[in-house]
């Protein structure tokens, strides 16, 4: 089995596990811009001790490049667990992140995520340069 075979994908408007990538369709070369990645934009994903998103990773593969760059890895560790048991804490993280980066080349953004119950998910978005 190959790693790519482990990832699932779907239309994020109908599936709560798919990472949603929000950023401009094209950006100015070498200018910082924000990329927002969230899970459950249209259909909420649970965030409980038993069912949660553990992490989101964001990559960028420049057009014509051989390998992607890892832009960031973001871990969500508070899902309501405490010493008193599952879902007893008042602390919960939200499975969404905003980060910034710059590039001089067009390419593809790839977001991956991990649900502790439903496994690995991915989505991508093409990024142009103005």
C-alpha atoms as a PDB file:
ATOM      1  CA  UNK A   1       0.000   0.000   0.000  1.00  0.00           C
ATOM      2  CA  UNK A   2       1.213   3.519  -0.777  1.00  0.00           C
ATOM      3  CA  UNK A   3       0.731   6.518   1.518  1.00  0.00           C
ATOM      4  CA  UNK A   4      -1.423   8.289  -1.075  1.00  0.00           C
ATOM      5  CA  UNK A   5      -3.917   5.412  -0.950  1.00  0.00           C
ATOM      6  CA  UNK A   6      -4.619   6.204   2.705  1.00  0.00           C
ATOM      7  CA  UNK A   7      -6.016   9.679   2.001  1.00  0.00           C
ATOM      8  CA  UNK A   8      -9.678  10.306   1.303  1.00  0.00           C
ATOM      9  CA  UNK A   9     -11.158  13.268  -0.525  1.00  0.00           C
ATOM     10  CA  UNK A  10     -14.625  14.565  -1.336  1.00  0.00           C
ATOM     11  CA  UNK A  11     -16.519  17.787  -1.913  1.00  0.00           C
ATOM     12  CA  UNK A  12     -16.127  19.783   1.324  1.00  0.00           C
ATOM     13  CA  UNK A  13     -19.677  21.100   0.929  1.00  0.00           C
ATOM     14  CA  UNK A  14     -20.997  17.568   1.509  1.00  0.00           C
ATOM     15  CA  UNK A  15     -18.299  15.978   3.686  1.00  0.00           C
ATOM     16  CA  UNK A  16     -17.318  17.339   7.116  1.00  0.00           C
ATOM     17  CA  UNK A  17     -13.776  15.886   7.115  1.00  0.00           C
ATOM     18  CA  UNK A  18     -12.335  17.593   4.020  1.00  0.00           C
ATOM     19  CA  UNK A  19      -9.897  20.467   4.628  1.00  0.00           C
ATOM     20  CA  UNK A  20     -11.127  23.745   3.116  1.00  0.00           C
ATOM     21  CA  UNK A  21      -8.371  26.000   1.763  1.00  0.00           C
ATOM     22  CA  UNK A  22      -9.225  29.705   1.646  1.00  0.00           C
ATOM     23  CA  UNK A  23      -6.858  32.200   0.022  1.00  0.00           C
ATOM     24  CA  UNK A  24      -6.761  34.369  -3.092  1.00  0.00           C
ATOM     25  CA  UNK A  25      -6.731  32.520  -6.410  1.00  0.00           C
ATOM     26  CA  UNK A  26      -3.599  34.464  -7.355  1.00  0.00           C
ATOM     27  CA  UNK A  27      -1.132  36.552  -5.384  1.00  0.00           C
ATOM     28  CA  UNK A  28       1.657  39.033  -6.095  1.00  0.00           C
ATOM     29  CA  UNK A  29       5.089  37.385  -6.410  1.00  0.00           C
ATOM     30  CA  UNK A  30       7.180  37.501  -3.227  1.00  0.00           C
ATOM     31  CA  UNK A  31       4.408  39.155  -1.174  1.00  0.00           C
ATOM     32  CA  UNK A  32       3.144  37.555   2.035  1.00  0.00           C
ATOM     33  CA  UNK A  33      -0.465  36.377   1.964  1.00  0.00           C
ATOM     34  CA  UNK A  34      -2.752  34.472   4.324  1.00  0.00           C
ATOM     35  CA  UNK A  35      -3.995  30.927   3.845  1.00  0.00           C
ATOM     36  CA  UNK A  36      -6.820  29.677   6.048  1.00  0.00           C
ATOM     37  CA  UNK A  37      -7.486  25.943   6.415  1.00  0.00           C
ATOM     38  CA  UNK A  38     -10.523  24.693   8.297  1.00  0.00           C
ATOM     39  CA  UNK A  39     -12.424  21.455   8.707  1.00  0.00           C
ATOM     40  CA  UNK A  40     -16.211  21.333   8.621  1.00  0.00           C
ATOM     41  CA  UNK A  41     -16.999  24.636   6.915  1.00  0.00           C
ATOM     42  CA  UNK A  42     -20.444  23.593   5.640  1.00  0.00           C
ATOM     43  CA  UNK A  43     -21.111  20.613   7.920  1.00  0.00           C
ATOM     44  CA  UNK A  44     -19.696  20.909  11.440  1.00  0.00           C
ATOM     45  CA  UNK A  45     -17.197  18.306  12.540  1.00  0.00           C
ATOM     46  CA  UNK A  46     -17.427  17.165  16.180  1.00  0.00           C
ATOM     47  CA  UNK A  47     -14.743  18.218  18.611  1.00  0.00           C
ATOM     48  CA  UNK A  48     -15.097  15.774  21.468  1.00  0.00           C
ATOM     49  CA  UNK A  49     -12.680  13.526  23.280  1.00  0.00           C
ATOM     50  CA  UNK A  50     -13.983  10.545  21.296  1.00  0.00           C
ATOM     51  CA  UNK A  51     -14.210  12.209  17.837  1.00  0.00           C
ATOM     52  CA  UNK A  52     -11.992  15.090  16.780  1.00  0.00           C
ATOM     53  CA  UNK A  53      -9.524  16.492  14.252  1.00  0.00           C
ATOM     54  CA  UNK A  54      -6.022  15.929  15.622  1.00  0.00           C
ATOM     55  CA  UNK A  55      -4.014  17.934  13.071  1.00  0.00           C
ATOM     56  CA  UNK A  56      -3.876  19.862   9.798  1.00  0.00           C
ATOM     57  CA  UNK A  57      -0.798  20.118   7.568  1.00  0.00           C
ATOM     58  CA  UNK A  58      -0.313  22.554   4.694  1.00  0.00           C
ATOM     59  CA  UNK A  59       2.074  22.062   1.777  1.00  0.00           C
ATOM     60  CA  UNK A  60       2.943  24.038  -1.359  1.00  0.00           C
ATOM     61  CA  UNK A  61       4.292  22.461  -4.548  1.00  0.00           C
ATOM     62  CA  UNK A  62       5.625  25.056  -6.984  1.00  0.00           C
ATOM     63  CA  UNK A  63       4.736  24.541 -10.622  1.00  0.00           C
ATOM     64  CA  UNK A  64       7.558  22.570 -12.256  1.00  0.00           C
ATOM     65  CA  UNK A  65       9.065  21.685  -8.876  1.00  0.00           C
ATOM     66  CA  UNK A  66       9.838  18.107  -7.951  1.00  0.00           C
ATOM     67  CA  UNK A  67       8.919  18.247  -4.267  1.00  0.00           C
ATOM     68  CA  UNK A  68       6.420  20.142  -2.091  1.00  0.00           C
ATOM     69  CA  UNK A  69       7.377  22.446   0.771  1.00  0.00           C
ATOM     70  CA  UNK A  70       5.764  21.930   4.152  1.00  0.00           C
ATOM     71  CA  UNK A  71       4.305  25.336   5.068  1.00  0.00           C
ATOM     72  CA  UNK A  72       3.098  24.274   8.492  1.00  0.00           C
ATOM     73  CA  UNK A  73       1.888  21.497  10.760  1.00  0.00           C
ATOM     74  CA  UNK A  74      -0.802  22.430  13.268  1.00  0.00           C
ATOM     75  CA  UNK A  75      -1.855  20.168  16.140  1.00  0.00           C
ATOM     76  CA  UNK A  76      -5.077  20.428  18.143  1.00  0.00           C
ATOM     77  CA  UNK A  77      -4.710  18.869  21.563  1.00  0.00           C
ATOM     78  CA  UNK A  78      -7.638  20.050  23.688  1.00  0.00           C
ATOM     79  CA  UNK A  79     -10.839  18.108  23.010  1.00  0.00           C
ATOM     80  CA  UNK A  80     -12.581  18.278  26.355  1.00  0.00           C
ATOM     81  CA  UNK A  81     -10.643  15.599  28.203  1.00  0.00           C
ATOM     82  CA  UNK A  82      -9.593  16.198  31.791  1.00  0.00           C
ATOM     83  CA  UNK A  83      -8.610  14.206  34.873  1.00  0.00           C
ATOM     84  CA  UNK A  84     -12.334  13.911  35.559  1.00  0.00           C
ATOM     85  CA  UNK A  85     -12.931  12.046  32.287  1.00  0.00           C
ATOM     86  CA  UNK A  86     -13.907  12.574  28.644  1.00  0.00           C
ATOM     87  CA  UNK A  87     -15.684  15.807  27.708  1.00  0.00           C
ATOM     88  CA  UNK A  88     -15.454  17.253  31.208  1.00  0.00           C
ATOM     89  CA  UNK A  89     -13.007  20.080  30.492  1.00  0.00           C
ATOM     90  CA  UNK A  90     -13.931  23.621  29.556  1.00  0.00           C
ATOM     91  CA  UNK A  91     -10.985  23.772  27.110  1.00  0.00           C
ATOM     92  CA  UNK A  92     -11.461  22.900  23.433  1.00  0.00           C
ATOM     93  CA  UNK A  93      -9.355  23.799  20.411  1.00  0.00           C
ATOM     94  CA  UNK A  94     -10.914  24.607  17.040  1.00  0.00           C
ATOM     95  CA  UNK A  95      -9.749  22.701  13.969  1.00  0.00           C
ATOM     96  CA  UNK A  96      -8.844  25.724  11.871  1.00  0.00           C
ATOM     97  CA  UNK A  97      -5.666  27.671  11.246  1.00  0.00           C
ATOM     98  CA  UNK A  98      -4.443  30.746   9.389  1.00  0.00           C
ATOM     99  CA  UNK A  99      -0.829  31.077   8.321  1.00  0.00           C
ATOM    100  CA  UNK A 100       1.146  33.318   5.982  1.00  0.00           C
ATOM    101  CA  UNK A 101       3.814  32.662   3.391  1.00  0.00           C
ATOM    102  CA  UNK A 102       5.168  34.025   0.124  1.00  0.00           C
ATOM    103  CA  UNK A 103       6.279  32.517  -3.168  1.00  0.00           C
ATOM    104  CA  UNK A 104       7.544  33.725  -6.505  1.00  0.00           C
ATOM    105  CA  UNK A 105       6.064  30.780  -8.414  1.00  0.00           C
ATOM    106  CA  UNK A 106       2.532  29.533  -9.074  1.00  0.00           C
ATOM    107  CA  UNK A 107       1.696  26.077  -7.824  1.00  0.00           C
ATOM    108  CA  UNK A 108      -0.625  23.936  -5.767  1.00  0.00           C
ATOM    109  CA  UNK A 109      -1.559  24.182  -2.107  1.00  0.00           C
ATOM    110  CA  UNK A 110      -2.303  20.825  -0.491  1.00  0.00           C
ATOM    111  CA  UNK A 111      -3.979  20.512   2.904  1.00  0.00           C
ATOM    112  CA  UNK A 112      -4.169  17.245   4.808  1.00  0.00           C
ATOM    113  CA  UNK A 113      -5.928  16.445   8.062  1.00  0.00           C
ATOM    114  CA  UNK A 114      -6.421  13.567  10.462  1.00  0.00           C
ATOM    115  CA  UNK A 115      -9.682  12.580  12.167  1.00  0.00           C
ATOM    116  CA  UNK A 116      -9.104  10.145  15.012  1.00  0.00           C
ATOM    117  CA  UNK A 117     -12.114   8.071  13.851  1.00  0.00           C
ATOM    118  CA  UNK A 118     -12.245   8.526  10.060  1.00  0.00           C
ATOM    119  CA  UNK A 119      -8.560   8.778   9.144  1.00  0.00           C
ATOM    120  CA  UNK A 120      -6.671  10.937   6.675  1.00  0.00           C
ATOM    121  CA  UNK A 121      -8.223  13.531   4.355  1.00  0.00           C
ATOM    122  CA  UNK A 122      -6.862  15.883   1.709  1.00  0.00           C
ATOM    123  CA  UNK A 123      -7.806  18.762  -0.554  1.00  0.00           C
ATOM    124  CA  UNK A 124      -5.882  21.031  -2.914  1.00  0.00           C
ATOM    125  CA  UNK A 125      -6.133  24.444  -4.527  1.00  0.00           C
ATOM    126  CA  UNK A 126      -4.239  25.958  -7.442  1.00  0.00           C
ATOM    127  CA  UNK A 127      -2.424  29.219  -6.705  1.00  0.00           C
ATOM    128  CA  UNK A 128      -1.520  31.676  -9.446  1.00  0.00           C
ATOM    129  CA  UNK A 129       0.940  34.563  -9.519  1.00  0.00           C
ATOM    130  CA  UNK A 130      -0.165  38.000 -10.720  1.00  0.00           C
END
